[in-house]
Amino acid sequence: MSSLARDLALKIGGEENITKDIEVYDSLPSNIRNRYFAKIYWHTRYCLLQKYGKAVKIPPKTLEALRGKAASYRLTDVRAANIRKVDGRFKIVDAIAK
């Protein structure tokens, strides 16, 4: 889904996958949650609506910084494919909690 104002993703999947995404998002402290992780607007049992941004090349230094930040909150699977440019900043759109 895309508009002039923002790029959104409607993620549809099994209940377990959606629940994991919500748990990861909710596990981050609210004061930094949307700084490093793309905002989730709403969710149901089988889908969620999330800011998604643009696919761009991630500078290696930025990727390592995001991996380090994610590791401090016990998140893994932070790789270039799971990072997008959202509102001018690189943000994680998918991660896994340890």
PDB file of N, CA and C in Angstrom:
ATOM      1  N   MET A   1       0.846  -1.158   0.000  1.00  0.00           N
ATOM      2  CA  MET A   1       0.000   0.000   0.000  1.00  0.00           C
ATOM      3  C   MET A   1       0.902   1.234   0.000  1.00  0.00           C
ATOM      4  N   SER A   2       0.608   2.189  -0.796  1.00  0.00           N
ATOM      5  CA  SER A   2       1.454   3.371  -0.869  1.00  0.00           C
ATOM      6  C   SER A   2       0.593   4.602  -1.115  1.00  0.00           C
ATOM      7  N   SER A   3       1.045   5.713  -0.601  1.00  0.00           N
ATOM      8  CA  SER A   3       0.384   6.980  -0.854  1.00  0.00           C
ATOM      9  C   SER A   3       1.472   8.036  -0.972  1.00  0.00           C
ATOM     10  N   LEU A   4       1.100   9.241  -1.260  1.00  0.00           N
ATOM     11  CA  LEU A   4       2.094  10.305  -1.332  1.00  0.00           C
ATOM     12  C   LEU A   4       2.671  10.612   0.040  1.00  0.00           C
ATOM     13  N   ALA A   5       1.911  10.390   1.085  1.00  0.00           N
ATOM     14  CA  ALA A   5       2.331  10.746   2.429  1.00  0.00           C
ATOM     15  C   ALA A   5       3.235   9.694   3.075  1.00  0.00           C
ATOM     16  N   ARG A   6       2.969   8.418   2.844  1.00  0.00           N
ATOM     17  CA  ARG A   6       3.741   7.377   3.520  1.00  0.00           C
ATOM     18  C   ARG A   6       3.589   6.039   2.813  1.00  0.00           C
ATOM     19  N   ASP A   7       4.551   5.167   3.074  1.00  0.00           N
ATOM     20  CA  ASP A   7       4.490   3.800   2.567  1.00  0.00           C
ATOM     21  C   ASP A   7       4.150   2.889   3.726  1.00  0.00           C
ATOM     22  N   LEU A   8       3.124   2.078   3.539  1.00  0.00           N
ATOM     23  CA  LEU A   8       2.658   1.165   4.579  1.00  0.00           C
ATOM     24  C   LEU A   8       2.711  -0.258   4.070  1.00  0.00           C
ATOM     25  N   ALA A   9       2.805  -1.201   5.002  1.00  0.00           N
ATOM     26  CA  ALA A   9       2.743  -2.618   4.661  1.00  0.00           C
ATOM     27  C   ALA A   9       1.621  -3.249   5.460  1.00  0.00           C
ATOM     28  N   LEU A  10       0.783  -3.978   4.786  1.00  0.00           N
ATOM     29  CA  LEU A  10      -0.234  -4.785   5.445  1.00  0.00           C
ATOM     30  C   LEU A  10       0.336  -6.195   5.467  1.00  0.00           C
ATOM     31  N   LYS A  11       0.853  -6.598   6.623  1.00  0.00           N
ATOM     32  CA  LYS A  11       1.452  -7.921   6.759  1.00  0.00           C
ATOM     33  C   LYS A  11       0.353  -8.907   7.140  1.00  0.00           C
ATOM     34  N   ILE A  12       0.248  -9.962   6.361  1.00  0.00           N
ATOM     35  CA  ILE A  12      -0.754 -10.986   6.609  1.00  0.00           C
ATOM     36  C   ILE A  12      -0.008 -12.301   6.835  1.00  0.00           C
ATOM     37  N   GLY A  13      -0.381 -12.998   7.885  1.00  0.00           N
ATOM     38  CA  GLY A  13       0.295 -14.252   8.172  1.00  0.00           C
ATOM     39  C   GLY A  13      -0.427 -15.028   9.238  1.00  0.00           C
ATOM     40  N   GLY A  14       0.220 -16.072   9.671  1.00  0.00           N
ATOM     41  CA  GLY A  14      -0.335 -16.899  10.728  1.00  0.00           C
ATOM     42  C   GLY A  14      -0.345 -16.150  12.054  1.00  0.00           C
ATOM     43  N   GLU A  15      -1.208 -16.582  12.929  1.00  0.00           N
ATOM     44  CA  GLU A  15      -1.339 -15.925  14.230  1.00  0.00           C
ATOM     45  C   GLU A  15      -0.017 -15.885  14.982  1.00  0.00           C
ATOM     46  N   GLU A  16       0.756 -16.955  14.907  1.00  0.00           N
ATOM     47  CA  GLU A  16       2.032 -17.016  15.612  1.00  0.00           C
ATOM     48  C   GLU A  16       3.008 -15.948  15.100  1.00  0.00           C
ATOM     49  N   ASN A  17       3.108 -15.780  13.785  1.00  0.00           N
ATOM     50  CA  ASN A  17       4.018 -14.783  13.204  1.00  0.00           C
ATOM     51  C   ASN A  17       3.604 -13.363  13.554  1.00  0.00           C
ATOM     52  N   ILE A  18       2.335 -13.060  13.466  1.00  0.00           N
ATOM     53  CA  ILE A  18       1.847 -11.714  13.797  1.00  0.00           C
ATOM     54  C   ILE A  18       2.081 -11.441  15.279  1.00  0.00           C
ATOM     55  N   THR A  19       1.806 -12.427  16.120  1.00  0.00           N
ATOM     56  CA  THR A  19       2.014 -12.269  17.561  1.00  0.00           C
ATOM     57  C   THR A  19       3.478 -11.993  17.866  1.00  0.00           C
ATOM     58  N   LYS A  20       4.390 -12.685  17.193  1.00  0.00           N
ATOM     59  CA  LYS A  20       5.825 -12.456  17.406  1.00  0.00           C
ATOM     60  C   LYS A  20       6.205 -11.029  17.031  1.00  0.00           C
ATOM     61  N   ASP A  21       5.700 -10.533  15.897  1.00  0.00           N
ATOM     62  CA  ASP A  21       6.002  -9.159  15.487  1.00  0.00           C
ATOM     63  C   ASP A  21       5.507  -8.153  16.531  1.00  0.00           C
ATOM     64  N   ILE A  22       4.310  -8.360  17.031  1.00  0.00           N
ATOM     65  CA  ILE A  22       3.743  -7.455  18.042  1.00  0.00           C
ATOM     66  C   ILE A  22       4.550  -7.534  19.337  1.00  0.00           C
ATOM     67  N   GLU A  23       4.938  -8.724  19.744  1.00  0.00           N
ATOM     68  CA  GLU A  23       5.719  -8.882  20.975  1.00  0.00           C
ATOM     69  C   GLU A  23       7.071  -8.183  20.867  1.00  0.00           C
ATOM     70  N   VAL A  24       7.721  -8.305  19.711  1.00  0.00           N
ATOM     71  CA  VAL A  24       9.000  -7.616  19.510  1.00  0.00           C
ATOM     72  C   VAL A  24       8.803  -6.113  19.619  1.00  0.00           C
ATOM     73  N   TYR A  25       7.803  -5.603  18.933  1.00  0.00           N
ATOM     74  CA  TYR A  25       7.513  -4.160  18.943  1.00  0.00           C
ATOM     75  C   TYR A  25       7.200  -3.689  20.363  1.00  0.00           C
ATOM     76  N   ASP A  26       6.346  -4.431  21.067  1.00  0.00           N
ATOM     77  CA  ASP A  26       5.954  -4.038  22.416  1.00  0.00           C
ATOM     78  C   ASP A  26       7.064  -4.214  23.443  1.00  0.00           C
ATOM     79  N   SER A  27       8.057  -5.052  23.146  1.00  0.00           N
ATOM     80  CA  SER A  27       9.146  -5.282  24.097  1.00  0.00           C
ATOM     81  C   SER A  27      10.113  -4.096  24.172  1.00  0.00           C
ATOM     82  N   LEU A  28      10.110  -3.262  23.144  1.00  0.00           N
ATOM     83  CA  LEU A  28      10.998  -2.094  23.143  1.00  0.00           C
ATOM     84  C   LEU A  28      10.415  -0.998  24.024  1.00  0.00           C
ATOM     85  N   PRO A  29      11.253  -0.292  24.760  1.00  0.00           N
ATOM     86  CA  PRO A  29      10.745   0.818  25.570  1.00  0.00           C
ATOM     87  C   PRO A  29      10.034   1.850  24.693  1.00  0.00           C
ATOM     88  N   SER A  30       8.949   2.381  25.172  1.00  0.00           N
ATOM     89  CA  SER A  30       8.127   3.286  24.361  1.00  0.00           C
ATOM     90  C   SER A  30       8.875   4.542  23.926  1.00  0.00           C
ATOM     91  N   ASN A  31       9.870   4.978  24.681  1.00  0.00           N
ATOM     92  CA  ASN A  31      10.581   6.203  24.304  1.00  0.00           C
ATOM     93  C   ASN A  31      11.563   6.008  23.149  1.00  0.00           C
ATOM     94  N   ILE A  32      11.903   4.760  22.805  1.00  0.00           N
ATOM     95  CA  ILE A  32      12.800   4.534  21.663  1.00  0.00           C
ATOM     96  C   ILE A  32      12.171   3.632  20.596  1.00  0.00           C
ATOM     97  N   ARG A  33      11.011   3.087  20.887  1.00  0.00           N
ATOM     98  CA  ARG A  33      10.364   2.108  20.001  1.00  0.00           C
ATOM     99  C   ARG A  33      10.309   2.582  18.553  1.00  0.00           C
ATOM    100  N   ASN A  34       9.761   3.748  18.296  1.00  0.00           N
ATOM    101  CA  ASN A  34       9.595   4.220  16.921  1.00  0.00           C
ATOM    102  C   ASN A  34      10.841   4.904  16.373  1.00  0.00           C
ATOM    103  N   ARG A  35      11.857   5.062  17.195  1.00  0.00           N
ATOM    104  CA  ARG A  35      13.113   5.620  16.705  1.00  0.00           C
ATOM    105  C   ARG A  35      13.884   4.584  15.886  1.00  0.00           C
ATOM    106  N   TYR A  36      13.815   3.315  16.298  1.00  0.00           N
ATOM    107  CA  TYR A  36      14.581   2.267  15.641  1.00  0.00           C
ATOM    108  C   TYR A  36      13.724   1.224  14.931  1.00  0.00           C
ATOM    109  N   PHE A  37      12.463   1.152  15.262  1.00  0.00           N
ATOM    110  CA  PHE A  37      11.571   0.139  14.702  1.00  0.00           C
ATOM    111  C   PHE A  37      10.419   0.853  14.018  1.00  0.00           C
ATOM    112  N   ALA A  38      10.034   0.394  12.843  1.00  0.00           N
ATOM    113  CA  ALA A  38       8.943   1.027  12.093  1.00  0.00           C
ATOM    114  C   ALA A  38       7.627   0.881  12.872  1.00  0.00           C
ATOM    115  N   LYS A  39       6.898   1.957  12.960  1.00  0.00           N
ATOM    116  CA  LYS A  39       5.664   2.005  13.745  1.00  0.00           C
ATOM    117  C   LYS A  39       4.620   1.000  13.245  1.00  0.00           C
ATOM    118  N   ILE A  40       3.982   0.327  14.197  1.00  0.00           N
ATOM    119  CA  ILE A  40       2.851  -0.542  13.899  1.00  0.00           C
ATOM    120  C   ILE A  40       1.602   0.214  14.325  1.00  0.00           C
ATOM    121  N   TYR A  41       0.702   0.452  13.371  1.00  0.00           N
ATOM    122  CA  TYR A  41      -0.506   1.226  13.644  1.00  0.00           C
ATOM    123  C   TYR A  41      -1.584   0.401  14.334  1.00  0.00           C
ATOM    124  N   TRP A  42      -1.833  -0.781  13.830  1.00  0.00           N
ATOM    125  CA  TRP A  42      -2.845  -1.650  14.432  1.00  0.00           C
ATOM    126  C   TRP A  42      -2.579  -3.085  14.015  1.00  0.00           C
ATOM    127  N   HIS A  43      -3.205  -3.996  14.720  1.00  0.00           N
ATOM    128  CA  HIS A  43      -3.055  -5.408  14.373  1.00  0.00           C
ATOM    129  C   HIS A  43      -4.322  -6.156  14.745  1.00  0.00           C
ATOM    130  N   THR A  44      -4.514  -7.258  14.067  1.00  0.00           N
ATOM    131  CA  THR A  44      -5.567  -8.206  14.403  1.00  0.00           C
ATOM    132  C   THR A  44      -4.876  -9.547  14.584  1.00  0.00           C
ATOM    133  N   ARG A  45      -5.618 -10.567  14.653  1.00  0.00           N
ATOM    134  CA  ARG A  45      -5.065 -11.896  14.866  1.00  0.00           C
ATOM    135  C   ARG A  45      -4.168 -12.349  13.708  1.00  0.00           C
ATOM    136  N   TYR A  46      -4.520 -11.967  12.488  1.00  0.00           N
ATOM    137  CA  TYR A  46      -3.809 -12.475  11.319  1.00  0.00           C
ATOM    138  C   TYR A  46      -3.161 -11.398  10.445  1.00  0.00           C
ATOM    139  N   CYS A  47      -3.210 -10.145  10.844  1.00  0.00           N
ATOM    140  CA  CYS A  47      -2.557  -9.113  10.038  1.00  0.00           C
ATOM    141  C   CYS A  47      -2.187  -7.904  10.900  1.00  0.00           C
ATOM    142  N   LEU A  48      -1.288  -7.098  10.362  1.00  0.00           N
ATOM    143  CA  LEU A  48      -0.927  -5.842  11.024  1.00  0.00           C
ATOM    144  C   LEU A  48      -0.593  -4.809   9.962  1.00  0.00           C
ATOM    145  N   LEU A  49      -0.768  -3.550  10.320  1.00  0.00           N
ATOM    146  CA  LEU A  49      -0.452  -2.434   9.429  1.00  0.00           C
ATOM    147  C   LEU A  49       0.743  -1.708  10.014  1.00  0.00           C
ATOM    148  N   GLN A  50       1.803  -1.598   9.207  1.00  0.00           N
ATOM    149  CA  GLN A  50       3.065  -1.037   9.678  1.00  0.00           C
ATOM    150  C   GLN A  50       3.622  -0.044   8.671  1.00  0.00           C
ATOM    151  N   LYS A  51       4.292   1.004   9.186  1.00  0.00           N
ATOM    152  CA  LYS A  51       5.049   1.872   8.294  1.00  0.00           C
ATOM    153  C   LYS A  51       6.117   1.007   7.651  1.00  0.00           C
ATOM    154  N   TYR A  52       6.361   1.206   6.374  1.00  0.00           N
ATOM    155  CA  TYR A  52       7.296   0.312   5.692  1.00  0.00           C
ATOM    156  C   TYR A  52       8.446   1.034   5.015  1.00  0.00           C
ATOM    157  N   GLY A  53       8.227   2.202   4.477  1.00  0.00           N
ATOM    158  CA  GLY A  53       9.313   2.962   3.891  1.00  0.00           C
ATOM    159  C   GLY A  53       9.786   2.437   2.550  1.00  0.00           C
ATOM    160  N   LYS A  54      10.943   2.915   2.152  1.00  0.00           N
ATOM    161  CA  LYS A  54      11.532   2.601   0.846  1.00  0.00           C
ATOM    162  C   LYS A  54      12.700   1.633   0.997  1.00  0.00           C
ATOM    163  N   ALA A  55      12.854   0.774   0.013  1.00  0.00           N
ATOM    164  CA  ALA A  55      14.019  -0.113  -0.031  1.00  0.00           C
ATOM    165  C   ALA A  55      15.185   0.682  -0.616  1.00  0.00           C
ATOM    166  N   VAL A  56      16.219   0.847   0.155  1.00  0.00           N
ATOM    167  CA  VAL A  56      17.419   1.561  -0.288  1.00  0.00           C
ATOM    168  C   VAL A  56      18.643   0.794   0.197  1.00  0.00           C
ATOM    169  N   LYS A  57      19.790   1.119  -0.373  1.00  0.00           N
ATOM    170  CA  LYS A  57      21.032   0.492   0.069  1.00  0.00           C
ATOM    171  C   LYS A  57      21.373   1.005   1.468  1.00  0.00           C
ATOM    172  N   ILE A  58      21.666   0.080   2.365  1.00  0.00           N
ATOM    173  CA  ILE A  58      21.977   0.422   3.751  1.00  0.00           C
ATOM    174  C   ILE A  58      23.494   0.547   3.892  1.00  0.00           C
ATOM    175  N   PRO A  59      23.988   1.698   4.331  1.00  0.00           N
ATOM    176  CA  PRO A  59      25.431   1.819   4.559  1.00  0.00           C
ATOM    177  C   PRO A  59      25.882   0.821   5.639  1.00  0.00           C
ATOM    178  N   PRO A  60      27.021   0.166   5.442  1.00  0.00           N
ATOM    179  CA  PRO A  60      27.486  -0.841   6.410  1.00  0.00           C
ATOM    180  C   PRO A  60      27.566  -0.313   7.846  1.00  0.00           C
ATOM    181  N   LYS A  61      27.984   0.923   8.005  1.00  0.00           N
ATOM    182  CA  LYS A  61      28.094   1.513   9.343  1.00  0.00           C
ATOM    183  C   LYS A  61      26.712   1.632  10.004  1.00  0.00           C
ATOM    184  N   THR A  62      25.718   2.012   9.222  1.00  0.00           N
ATOM    185  CA  THR A  62      24.349   2.135   9.727  1.00  0.00           C
ATOM    186  C   THR A  62      23.795   0.762  10.098  1.00  0.00           C
ATOM    187  N   LEU A  63      24.060  -0.231   9.258  1.00  0.00           N
ATOM    188  CA  LEU A  63      23.596  -1.591   9.535  1.00  0.00           C
ATOM    189  C   LEU A  63      24.195  -2.098  10.846  1.00  0.00           C
ATOM    190  N   GLU A  64      25.472  -1.891  11.047  1.00  0.00           N
ATOM    191  CA  GLU A  64      26.118  -2.333  12.290  1.00  0.00           C
ATOM    192  C   GLU A  64      25.571  -1.582  13.501  1.00  0.00           C
ATOM    193  N   ALA A  65      25.310  -0.291  13.346  1.00  0.00           N
ATOM    194  CA  ALA A  65      24.745   0.485  14.459  1.00  0.00           C
ATOM    195  C   ALA A  65      23.357  -0.033  14.833  1.00  0.00           C
ATOM    196  N   LEU A  66      22.526  -0.327  13.836  1.00  0.00           N
ATOM    197  CA  LEU A  66      21.193  -0.866  14.122  1.00  0.00           C
ATOM    198  C   LEU A  66      21.272  -2.264  14.732  1.00  0.00           C
ATOM    199  N   ARG A  67      22.207  -3.075  14.255  1.00  0.00           N
ATOM    200  CA  ARG A  67      22.395  -4.405  14.854  1.00  0.00           C
ATOM    201  C   ARG A  67      22.799  -4.283  16.322  1.00  0.00           C
ATOM    202  N   GLY A  68      23.687  -3.362  16.605  1.00  0.00           N
ATOM    203  CA  GLY A  68      24.130  -3.151  17.986  1.00  0.00           C
ATOM    204  C   GLY A  68      22.996  -2.691  18.877  1.00  0.00           C
ATOM    205  N   LYS A  69      22.201  -1.760  18.372  1.00  0.00           N
ATOM    206  CA  LYS A  69      21.062  -1.259  19.143  1.00  0.00           C
ATOM    207  C   LYS A  69      20.058  -2.380  19.366  1.00  0.00           C
ATOM    208  N   ALA A  70      19.781  -3.168  18.326  1.00  0.00           N
ATOM    209  CA  ALA A  70      18.829  -4.279  18.442  1.00  0.00           C
ATOM    210  C   ALA A  70      19.355  -5.333  19.424  1.00  0.00           C
ATOM    211  N   ALA A  71      20.643  -5.606  19.378  1.00  0.00           N
ATOM    212  CA  ALA A  71      21.224  -6.604  20.282  1.00  0.00           C
ATOM    213  C   ALA A  71      21.073  -6.188  21.740  1.00  0.00           C
ATOM    214  N   SER A  72      21.146  -4.893  22.002  1.00  0.00           N
ATOM    215  CA  SER A  72      20.984  -4.429  23.382  1.00  0.00           C
ATOM    216  C   SER A  72      19.560  -4.667  23.902  1.00  0.00           C
ATOM    217  N   TYR A  73      18.625  -4.886  22.997  1.00  0.00           N
ATOM    218  CA  TYR A  73      17.240  -5.213  23.382  1.00  0.00           C
ATOM    219  C   TYR A  73      16.912  -6.674  23.048  1.00  0.00           C
ATOM    220  N   ARG A  74      17.955  -7.491  22.857  1.00  0.00           N
ATOM    221  CA  ARG A  74      17.831  -8.931  22.622  1.00  0.00           C
ATOM    222  C   ARG A  74      17.042  -9.260  21.355  1.00  0.00           C
ATOM    223  N   LEU A  75      17.280  -8.493  20.289  1.00  0.00           N
ATOM    224  CA  LEU A  75      16.649  -8.740  18.996  1.00  0.00           C
ATOM    225  C   LEU A  75      17.696  -9.260  18.020  1.00  0.00           C
ATOM    226  N   THR A  76      17.289 -10.220  17.201  1.00  0.00           N
ATOM    227  CA  THR A  76      18.195 -10.787  16.204  1.00  0.00           C
ATOM    228  C   THR A  76      17.564 -10.656  14.819  1.00  0.00           C
ATOM    229  N   ASP A  77      18.241 -11.177  13.830  1.00  0.00           N
ATOM    230  CA  ASP A  77      17.808 -11.164  12.430  1.00  0.00           C
ATOM    231  C   ASP A  77      17.674  -9.747  11.877  1.00  0.00           C
ATOM    232  N   VAL A  78      18.556  -8.869  12.336  1.00  0.00           N
ATOM    233  CA  VAL A  78      18.578  -7.507  11.796  1.00  0.00           C
ATOM    234  C   VAL A  78      19.589  -7.517  10.659  1.00  0.00           C
ATOM    235  N   ARG A  79      19.056  -7.510   9.445  1.00  0.00           N
ATOM    236  CA  ARG A  79      19.883  -7.556   8.238  1.00  0.00           C
ATOM    237  C   ARG A  79      19.322  -6.554   7.249  1.00  0.00           C
ATOM    238  N   ALA A  80      20.054  -6.311   6.187  1.00  0.00           N
ATOM    239  CA  ALA A  80      19.656  -5.281   5.220  1.00  0.00           C
ATOM    240  C   ALA A  80      18.237  -5.493   4.698  1.00  0.00           C
ATOM    241  N   ALA A  81      17.821  -6.734   4.518  1.00  0.00           N
ATOM    242  CA  ALA A  81      16.478  -7.015   4.001  1.00  0.00           C
ATOM    243  C   ALA A  81      15.381  -6.633   4.995  1.00  0.00           C
ATOM    244  N   ASN A  82      15.731  -6.472   6.267  1.00  0.00           N
ATOM    245  CA  ASN A  82      14.754  -6.139   7.300  1.00  0.00           C
ATOM    246  C   ASN A  82      14.824  -4.677   7.742  1.00  0.00           C
ATOM    247  N   ILE A  83      15.522  -3.869   6.968  1.00  0.00           N
ATOM    248  CA  ILE A  83      15.654  -2.444   7.280  1.00  0.00           C
ATOM    249  C   ILE A  83      15.183  -1.644   6.077  1.00  0.00           C
ATOM    250  N   ARG A  84      14.412  -0.605   6.322  1.00  0.00           N
ATOM    251  CA  ARG A  84      13.897   0.266   5.263  1.00  0.00           C
ATOM    252  C   ARG A  84      14.134   1.717   5.683  1.00  0.00           C
ATOM    253  N   LYS A  85      14.082   2.599   4.713  1.00  0.00           N
ATOM    254  CA  LYS A  85      14.188   4.027   5.011  1.00  0.00           C
ATOM    255  C   LYS A  85      12.772   4.565   5.195  1.00  0.00           C
ATOM    256  N   VAL A  86      12.447   4.925   6.429  1.00  0.00           N
ATOM    257  CA  VAL A  86      11.123   5.383   6.816  1.00  0.00           C
ATOM    258  C   VAL A  86      11.245   6.817   7.311  1.00  0.00           C
ATOM    259  N   ASP A  87      10.528   7.720   6.690  1.00  0.00           N
ATOM    260  CA  ASP A  87      10.554   9.137   7.092  1.00  0.00           C
ATOM    261  C   ASP A  87      11.977   9.682   7.177  1.00  0.00           C
ATOM    262  N   GLY A  88      12.831   9.275   6.241  1.00  0.00           N
ATOM    263  CA  GLY A  88      14.189   9.795   6.184  1.00  0.00           C
ATOM    264  C   GLY A  88      15.178   9.109   7.113  1.00  0.00           C
ATOM    265  N   ARG A  89      14.733   8.099   7.874  1.00  0.00           N
ATOM    266  CA  ARG A  89      15.615   7.392   8.806  1.00  0.00           C
ATOM    267  C   ARG A  89      15.569   5.895   8.520  1.00  0.00           C
ATOM    268  N   PHE A  90      16.670   5.223   8.786  1.00  0.00           N
ATOM    269  CA  PHE A  90      16.703   3.774   8.638  1.00  0.00           C
ATOM    270  C   PHE A  90      16.051   3.147   9.862  1.00  0.00           C
ATOM    271  N   LYS A  91      15.065   2.265   9.616  1.00  0.00           N
ATOM    272  CA  LYS A  91      14.356   1.622  10.718  1.00  0.00           C
ATOM    273  C   LYS A  91      14.192   0.130  10.439  1.00  0.00           C
ATOM    274  N   ILE A  92      14.123  -0.640  11.512  1.00  0.00           N
ATOM    275  CA  ILE A  92      13.927  -2.070  11.425  1.00  0.00           C
ATOM    276  C   ILE A  92      12.445  -2.326  11.182  1.00  0.00           C
ATOM    277  N   VAL A  93      12.127  -3.155  10.195  1.00  0.00           N
ATOM    278  CA  VAL A  93      10.727  -3.500   9.933  1.00  0.00           C
ATOM    279  C   VAL A  93      10.404  -4.932  10.351  1.00  0.00           C
ATOM    280  N   ASP A  94      11.436  -5.699  10.668  1.00  0.00           N
ATOM    281  CA  ASP A  94      11.212  -7.081  11.088  1.00  0.00           C
ATOM    282  C   ASP A  94      12.417  -7.536  11.888  1.00  0.00           C
ATOM    283  N   ALA A  95      12.198  -8.165  13.021  1.00  0.00           N
ATOM    284  CA  ALA A  95      13.266  -8.700  13.863  1.00  0.00           C
ATOM    285  C   ALA A  95      12.684  -9.847  14.676  1.00  0.00           C
ATOM    286  N   ILE A  96      13.581 -10.592  15.303  1.00  0.00           N
ATOM    287  CA  ILE A  96      13.169 -11.737  16.122  1.00  0.00           C
ATOM    288  C   ILE A  96      13.719 -11.535  17.526  1.00  0.00           C
ATOM    289  N   ALA A  97      12.892 -11.784  18.529  1.00  0.00           N
ATOM    290  CA  ALA A  97      13.339 -11.703  19.924  1.00  0.00           C
ATOM    291  C   ALA A  97      14.051 -12.986  20.303  1.00  0.00           C
ATOM    292  N   LYS A  98      15.147 -12.863  21.039  1.00  0.00           N
ATOM    293  CA  LYS A  98      15.884 -14.058  21.506  1.00  0.00           C
ATOM    294  C   LYS A  98      15.089 -14.781  22.546  1.00  0.00           C
TER     295      LYS A  98
END
